[in-house]
Amino acid sequence: MRMPRPTDSDKELFRDLVGDFAGASVKPMFANLGAFVNGNMFAGLLGDVIGVKLLDEEIREELRNAPGTVGFGPGEQPLREYVGLPTSWPRDELSDWLGVAFAQTSELPPKDPRKKKS
């Protein structure tokens, strides 16, 4: 399976949006990007789609019913807790949904960093 690749402008947009949230970090993931808070991923960039992790099922379903949203994840198996937003959406709308994902994921217990193999 071939992974979709984001453009440089999609990467720049994602980094700029995530930079609005104190304590968030961006890491490369499979030629794409992931955004983390306390070691937990709250958003990702896969090609030209920004996936936001929404733990509240009602909010997640509300967003899934919005025009333009898609499943988020590689191939035919979208990640259950994520909803995909096109990078073409208005910046303030993307930022608002990233804020919801950041706030919900911030409530999760911190993950211990993985130990590097020696």
N, C-alpha and C. Protein backbone atom coordinates (compact mmCIF):
# COMPACT_ATOMS: atom_id res chain seq x y z
N MET A 1 0.84 -1.18 0.00
CA MET A 1 0.00 0.00 0.00
C MET A 1 0.89 1.24 0.00
N ARG A 2 0.54 2.17 -0.82
CA ARG A 2 1.30 3.42 -0.94
C ARG A 2 0.66 4.49 -0.06
N MET A 3 1.48 5.11 0.79
CA MET A 3 0.99 6.16 1.70
C MET A 3 0.89 7.48 0.94
N PRO A 4 -0.20 8.23 1.13
CA PRO A 4 -0.29 9.55 0.52
C PRO A 4 0.76 10.48 1.13
N ARG A 5 1.27 11.39 0.34
CA ARG A 5 2.30 12.32 0.80
C ARG A 5 1.74 13.74 0.82
N PRO A 6 1.98 14.45 1.91
CA PRO A 6 1.54 15.84 1.96
C PRO A 6 2.48 16.75 1.17
N THR A 7 1.95 17.84 0.69
CA THR A 7 2.78 18.85 0.04
C THR A 7 3.51 19.65 1.13
N ASP A 8 4.51 20.40 0.73
CA ASP A 8 5.21 21.26 1.69
C ASP A 8 4.26 22.28 2.30
N SER A 9 3.31 22.79 1.51
CA SER A 9 2.36 23.77 2.05
C SER A 9 1.40 23.12 3.05
N ASP A 10 1.02 21.85 2.81
CA ASP A 10 0.18 21.13 3.79
C ASP A 10 0.94 20.94 5.10
N LYS A 11 2.22 20.58 5.00
CA LYS A 11 3.04 20.40 6.21
C LYS A 11 3.19 21.72 6.97
N GLU A 12 3.41 22.78 6.23
CA GLU A 12 3.56 24.10 6.86
C GLU A 12 2.27 24.51 7.56
N LEU A 13 1.13 24.31 6.92
CA LEU A 13 -0.16 24.62 7.52
C LEU A 13 -0.35 23.82 8.81
N PHE A 14 -0.07 22.53 8.75
CA PHE A 14 -0.24 21.66 9.92
C PHE A 14 0.64 22.12 11.08
N ARG A 15 1.90 22.38 10.78
CA ARG A 15 2.82 22.85 11.83
C ARG A 15 2.36 24.18 12.42
N ASP A 16 1.91 25.08 11.58
CA ASP A 16 1.41 26.38 12.05
C ASP A 16 0.19 26.21 12.95
N LEU A 17 -0.74 25.36 12.55
CA LEU A 17 -1.94 25.14 13.35
C LEU A 17 -1.60 24.51 14.70
N VAL A 18 -0.74 23.53 14.70
CA VAL A 18 -0.37 22.85 15.94
C VAL A 18 0.43 23.78 16.85
N GLY A 19 1.19 24.68 16.25
CA GLY A 19 1.99 25.63 17.03
C GLY A 19 1.16 26.55 17.89
N ASP A 20 -0.14 26.63 17.65
CA ASP A 20 -1.03 27.46 18.46
C ASP A 20 -1.33 26.86 19.83
N PHE A 21 -0.93 25.60 20.06
CA PHE A 21 -1.29 24.90 21.28
C PHE A 21 -0.04 24.64 22.12
N ALA A 22 0.03 25.29 23.29
CA ALA A 22 1.17 25.14 24.18
C ALA A 22 1.27 23.69 24.65
N GLY A 23 2.46 23.15 24.56
CA GLY A 23 2.69 21.77 24.99
C GLY A 23 2.55 20.76 23.88
N ALA A 24 2.14 21.18 22.69
CA ALA A 24 2.01 20.27 21.55
C ALA A 24 3.33 20.16 20.82
N SER A 25 3.57 19.00 20.25
CA SER A 25 4.77 18.80 19.44
C SER A 25 4.38 18.06 18.16
N VAL A 26 5.17 18.30 17.11
CA VAL A 26 4.95 17.65 15.82
C VAL A 26 6.12 16.72 15.55
N LYS A 27 5.79 15.50 15.12
CA LYS A 27 6.82 14.50 14.80
C LYS A 27 6.51 13.88 13.45
N PRO A 28 7.55 13.52 12.70
CA PRO A 28 7.32 12.82 11.43
C PRO A 28 6.80 11.41 11.69
N MET A 29 5.88 10.99 10.83
CA MET A 29 5.31 9.65 10.92
C MET A 29 5.05 9.12 9.51
N PHE A 30 5.83 8.15 9.09
CA PHE A 30 5.60 7.49 7.81
C PHE A 30 5.48 8.49 6.65
N ALA A 31 6.41 9.44 6.59
CA ALA A 31 6.45 10.49 5.56
C ALA A 31 5.32 11.49 5.70
N ASN A 32 4.60 11.45 6.81
CA ASN A 32 3.54 12.40 7.12
C ASN A 32 3.87 13.01 8.48
N LEU A 33 2.92 13.60 9.16
CA LEU A 33 3.19 14.23 10.44
C LEU A 33 2.13 13.84 11.47
N GLY A 34 2.55 13.81 12.73
CA GLY A 34 1.64 13.59 13.85
C GLY A 34 1.83 14.69 14.87
N ALA A 35 0.75 15.08 15.55
CA ALA A 35 0.80 16.10 16.61
C ALA A 35 0.48 15.42 17.93
N PHE A 36 1.28 15.71 18.95
CA PHE A 36 1.18 15.02 20.22
C PHE A 36 1.08 16.00 21.38
N VAL A 37 0.38 15.55 22.43
CA VAL A 37 0.34 16.25 23.71
C VAL A 37 0.49 15.19 24.78
N ASN A 38 1.44 15.39 25.67
CA ASN A 38 1.74 14.41 26.74
C ASN A 38 1.99 13.01 26.18
N GLY A 39 2.57 12.93 24.99
CA GLY A 39 2.88 11.65 24.38
C GLY A 39 1.73 10.99 23.65
N ASN A 40 0.56 11.60 23.67
CA ASN A 40 -0.62 11.06 22.99
C ASN A 40 -0.89 11.85 21.71
N MET A 41 -1.12 11.13 20.62
CA MET A 41 -1.41 11.80 19.36
C MET A 41 -2.82 12.36 19.38
N PHE A 42 -2.95 13.66 19.02
CA PHE A 42 -4.28 14.27 18.96
C PHE A 42 -4.66 14.67 17.54
N ALA A 43 -3.69 14.68 16.64
CA ALA A 43 -3.97 15.03 15.24
C ALA A 43 -2.87 14.46 14.36
N GLY A 44 -3.19 14.28 13.10
CA GLY A 44 -2.21 13.80 12.15
C GLY A 44 -2.47 14.39 10.78
N LEU A 45 -1.43 14.38 9.98
CA LEU A 45 -1.53 14.82 8.59
C LEU A 45 -1.20 13.62 7.72
N LEU A 46 -2.12 13.25 6.85
CA LEU A 46 -1.94 12.13 5.94
C LEU A 46 -2.32 12.64 4.55
N GLY A 47 -1.30 12.92 3.75
CA GLY A 47 -1.55 13.54 2.45
C GLY A 47 -2.11 14.94 2.66
N ASP A 48 -3.28 15.21 2.11
CA ASP A 48 -3.89 16.54 2.27
C ASP A 48 -5.07 16.51 3.23
N VAL A 49 -5.04 15.56 4.17
CA VAL A 49 -6.11 15.42 5.15
C VAL A 49 -5.52 15.54 6.56
N ILE A 50 -6.16 16.38 7.38
CA ILE A 50 -5.79 16.50 8.78
C ILE A 50 -6.79 15.68 9.59
N GLY A 51 -6.29 14.71 10.32
CA GLY A 51 -7.14 13.88 11.16
C GLY A 51 -7.12 14.40 12.58
N VAL A 52 -8.28 14.54 13.19
CA VAL A 52 -8.37 14.99 14.58
C VAL A 52 -8.98 13.86 15.42
N LYS A 53 -8.37 13.64 16.58
CA LYS A 53 -8.84 12.60 17.50
C LYS A 53 -9.91 13.20 18.40
N LEU A 54 -11.11 12.63 18.31
CA LEU A 54 -12.23 13.12 19.11
C LEU A 54 -12.72 11.97 19.98
N LEU A 55 -12.53 12.12 21.27
CA LEU A 55 -12.89 11.06 22.21
C LEU A 55 -14.38 11.06 22.54
N ASP A 56 -15.02 12.21 22.43
CA ASP A 56 -16.45 12.32 22.68
C ASP A 56 -17.19 11.82 21.44
N GLU A 57 -17.92 10.73 21.60
CA GLU A 57 -18.58 10.09 20.46
C GLU A 57 -19.61 11.00 19.78
N GLU A 58 -20.37 11.76 20.55
CA GLU A 58 -21.37 12.66 19.96
C GLU A 58 -20.71 13.73 19.09
N ILE A 59 -19.65 14.32 19.59
CA ILE A 59 -18.94 15.36 18.83
C ILE A 59 -18.33 14.74 17.58
N ARG A 60 -17.75 13.54 17.73
CA ARG A 60 -17.14 12.86 16.58
C ARG A 60 -18.18 12.60 15.50
N GLU A 61 -19.36 12.12 15.88
CA GLU A 61 -20.41 11.84 14.89
C GLU A 61 -20.93 13.13 14.25
N GLU A 62 -21.03 14.18 15.04
CA GLU A 62 -21.43 15.48 14.49
C GLU A 62 -20.48 15.92 13.39
N LEU A 63 -19.18 15.79 13.65
CA LEU A 63 -18.20 16.20 12.65
C LEU A 63 -18.20 15.26 11.45
N ARG A 64 -18.37 13.98 11.68
CA ARG A 64 -18.40 13.02 10.56
C ARG A 64 -19.54 13.33 9.59
N ASN A 65 -20.60 13.95 10.07
CA ASN A 65 -21.73 14.29 9.22
C ASN A 65 -21.56 15.62 8.50
N ALA A 66 -20.48 16.34 8.79
CA ALA A 66 -20.23 17.62 8.11
C ALA A 66 -19.74 17.38 6.69
N PRO A 67 -20.15 18.22 5.75
CA PRO A 67 -19.70 18.06 4.36
C PRO A 67 -18.17 18.17 4.25
N GLY A 68 -17.59 17.24 3.49
CA GLY A 68 -16.16 17.30 3.22
C GLY A 68 -15.30 16.44 4.13
N THR A 69 -15.85 15.95 5.26
CA THR A 69 -15.04 15.12 6.14
C THR A 69 -14.91 13.72 5.56
N VAL A 70 -13.83 13.06 5.94
CA VAL A 70 -13.55 11.71 5.45
C VAL A 70 -13.01 10.87 6.60
N GLY A 71 -12.93 9.56 6.38
CA GLY A 71 -12.25 8.70 7.34
C GLY A 71 -10.78 9.07 7.35
N PHE A 72 -10.11 8.82 8.46
CA PHE A 72 -8.69 9.17 8.55
C PHE A 72 -7.90 7.93 8.92
N GLY A 73 -6.96 7.59 8.09
CA GLY A 73 -6.07 6.46 8.33
C GLY A 73 -5.62 5.87 7.01
N PRO A 74 -4.63 5.01 7.09
CA PRO A 74 -4.12 4.41 5.86
C PRO A 74 -5.08 3.37 5.28
N GLY A 75 -5.23 3.38 3.99
CA GLY A 75 -6.02 2.37 3.30
C GLY A 75 -7.49 2.37 3.65
N GLU A 76 -8.04 1.18 3.69
CA GLU A 76 -9.47 0.99 3.91
C GLU A 76 -9.84 0.89 5.39
N GLN A 77 -8.88 1.08 6.28
CA GLN A 77 -9.12 0.93 7.72
C GLN A 77 -8.96 2.26 8.45
N PRO A 78 -9.94 3.16 8.38
CA PRO A 78 -9.79 4.44 9.09
C PRO A 78 -9.72 4.22 10.59
N LEU A 79 -8.99 5.11 11.25
CA LEU A 79 -8.87 5.05 12.70
C LEU A 79 -10.20 5.44 13.33
N ARG A 80 -10.66 4.66 14.28
CA ARG A 80 -12.01 4.80 14.86
C ARG A 80 -12.26 6.16 15.49
N GLU A 81 -11.32 6.68 16.23
CA GLU A 81 -11.54 7.92 16.98
C GLU A 81 -11.19 9.18 16.19
N TYR A 82 -10.78 9.03 14.94
CA TYR A 82 -10.34 10.18 14.14
C TYR A 82 -11.33 10.52 13.04
N VAL A 83 -11.40 11.80 12.74
CA VAL A 83 -12.18 12.29 11.60
C VAL A 83 -11.22 13.10 10.74
N GLY A 84 -11.28 12.91 9.43
CA GLY A 84 -10.40 13.61 8.50
C GLY A 84 -11.02 14.89 7.98
N LEU A 85 -10.21 15.96 8.05
CA LEU A 85 -10.63 17.28 7.56
C LEU A 85 -9.73 17.66 6.39
N PRO A 86 -10.29 18.12 5.29
CA PRO A 86 -9.45 18.54 4.17
C PRO A 86 -8.68 19.81 4.51
N THR A 87 -7.43 19.88 4.09
CA THR A 87 -6.62 21.08 4.35
C THR A 87 -7.18 22.31 3.64
N SER A 88 -8.12 22.10 2.73
CA SER A 88 -8.74 23.23 2.02
C SER A 88 -9.79 23.95 2.86
N TRP A 89 -10.16 23.39 4.02
CA TRP A 89 -11.12 24.07 4.89
C TRP A 89 -10.52 25.38 5.40
N PRO A 90 -11.36 26.34 5.79
CA PRO A 90 -10.85 27.60 6.33
C PRO A 90 -9.97 27.34 7.57
N ARG A 91 -8.90 28.11 7.66
CA ARG A 91 -7.93 27.94 8.74
C ARG A 91 -8.58 28.00 10.13
N ASP A 92 -9.50 28.94 10.33
CA ASP A 92 -10.11 29.07 11.66
C ASP A 92 -10.94 27.84 12.01
N GLU A 93 -11.58 27.23 11.02
CA GLU A 93 -12.37 26.02 11.27
C GLU A 93 -11.45 24.84 11.61
N LEU A 94 -10.35 24.71 10.87
CA LEU A 94 -9.38 23.67 11.17
C LEU A 94 -8.82 23.86 12.58
N SER A 95 -8.48 25.10 12.91
CA SER A 95 -7.92 25.41 14.22
C SER A 95 -8.90 25.08 15.34
N ASP A 96 -10.17 25.40 15.12
CA ASP A 96 -11.19 25.10 16.13
C ASP A 96 -11.26 23.60 16.41
N TRP A 97 -11.27 22.78 15.37
CA TRP A 97 -11.36 21.33 15.56
C TRP A 97 -10.08 20.76 16.15
N LEU A 98 -8.93 21.31 15.76
CA LEU A 98 -7.69 20.89 16.39
C LEU A 98 -7.72 21.23 17.88
N GLY A 99 -8.31 22.36 18.23
CA GLY A 99 -8.44 22.75 19.63
C GLY A 99 -9.29 21.78 20.42
N VAL A 100 -10.38 21.31 19.82
CA VAL A 100 -11.23 20.33 20.49
C VAL A 100 -10.44 19.03 20.70
N ALA A 101 -9.75 18.58 19.66
CA ALA A 101 -8.95 17.35 19.76
C ALA A 101 -7.84 17.50 20.81
N PHE A 102 -7.18 18.65 20.82
CA PHE A 102 -6.11 18.91 21.79
C PHE A 102 -6.66 18.87 23.21
N ALA A 103 -7.78 19.54 23.44
CA ALA A 103 -8.37 19.60 24.78
C ALA A 103 -8.78 18.21 25.26
N GLN A 104 -9.43 17.43 24.39
CA GLN A 104 -9.86 16.10 24.80
C GLN A 104 -8.68 15.17 25.06
N THR A 105 -7.68 15.22 24.20
CA THR A 105 -6.52 14.34 24.35
C THR A 105 -5.65 14.76 25.52
N SER A 106 -5.65 16.04 25.85
CA SER A 106 -4.89 16.52 27.01
C SER A 106 -5.37 15.91 28.31
N GLU A 107 -6.62 15.45 28.32
CA GLU A 107 -7.20 14.85 29.53
C GLU A 107 -6.73 13.41 29.75
N LEU A 108 -6.12 12.80 28.72
CA LEU A 108 -5.63 11.43 28.86
C LEU A 108 -4.37 11.41 29.73
N PRO A 109 -4.11 10.29 30.40
CA PRO A 109 -2.86 10.19 31.17
C PRO A 109 -1.66 10.27 30.23
N PRO A 110 -0.57 10.89 30.67
CA PRO A 110 0.63 10.97 29.82
C PRO A 110 1.16 9.57 29.51
N LYS A 111 1.70 9.44 28.30
CA LYS A 111 2.34 8.19 27.91
C LYS A 111 3.82 8.28 28.25
N ASP A 112 4.36 7.17 28.71
CA ASP A 112 5.80 7.12 28.96
C ASP A 112 6.52 7.10 27.63
N PRO A 113 7.62 7.87 27.50
CA PRO A 113 8.36 7.83 26.25
C PRO A 113 8.94 6.43 26.01
N ARG A 114 8.95 6.04 24.77
CA ARG A 114 9.51 4.73 24.42
C ARG A 114 11.02 4.76 24.61
N LYS A 115 11.53 3.67 25.12
CA LYS A 115 12.97 3.56 25.29
C LYS A 115 13.56 3.14 23.95
N LYS A 116 14.67 3.79 23.58
CA LYS A 116 15.31 3.46 22.32
C LYS A 116 16.05 2.14 22.46
N LYS A 117 15.99 1.35 21.39
CA LYS A 117 16.69 0.08 21.39
C LYS A 117 18.19 0.33 21.36
N SER A 118 18.91 -0.46 22.13
CA SER A 118 20.36 -0.27 22.15
C SER A 118 21.07 -1.19 21.21
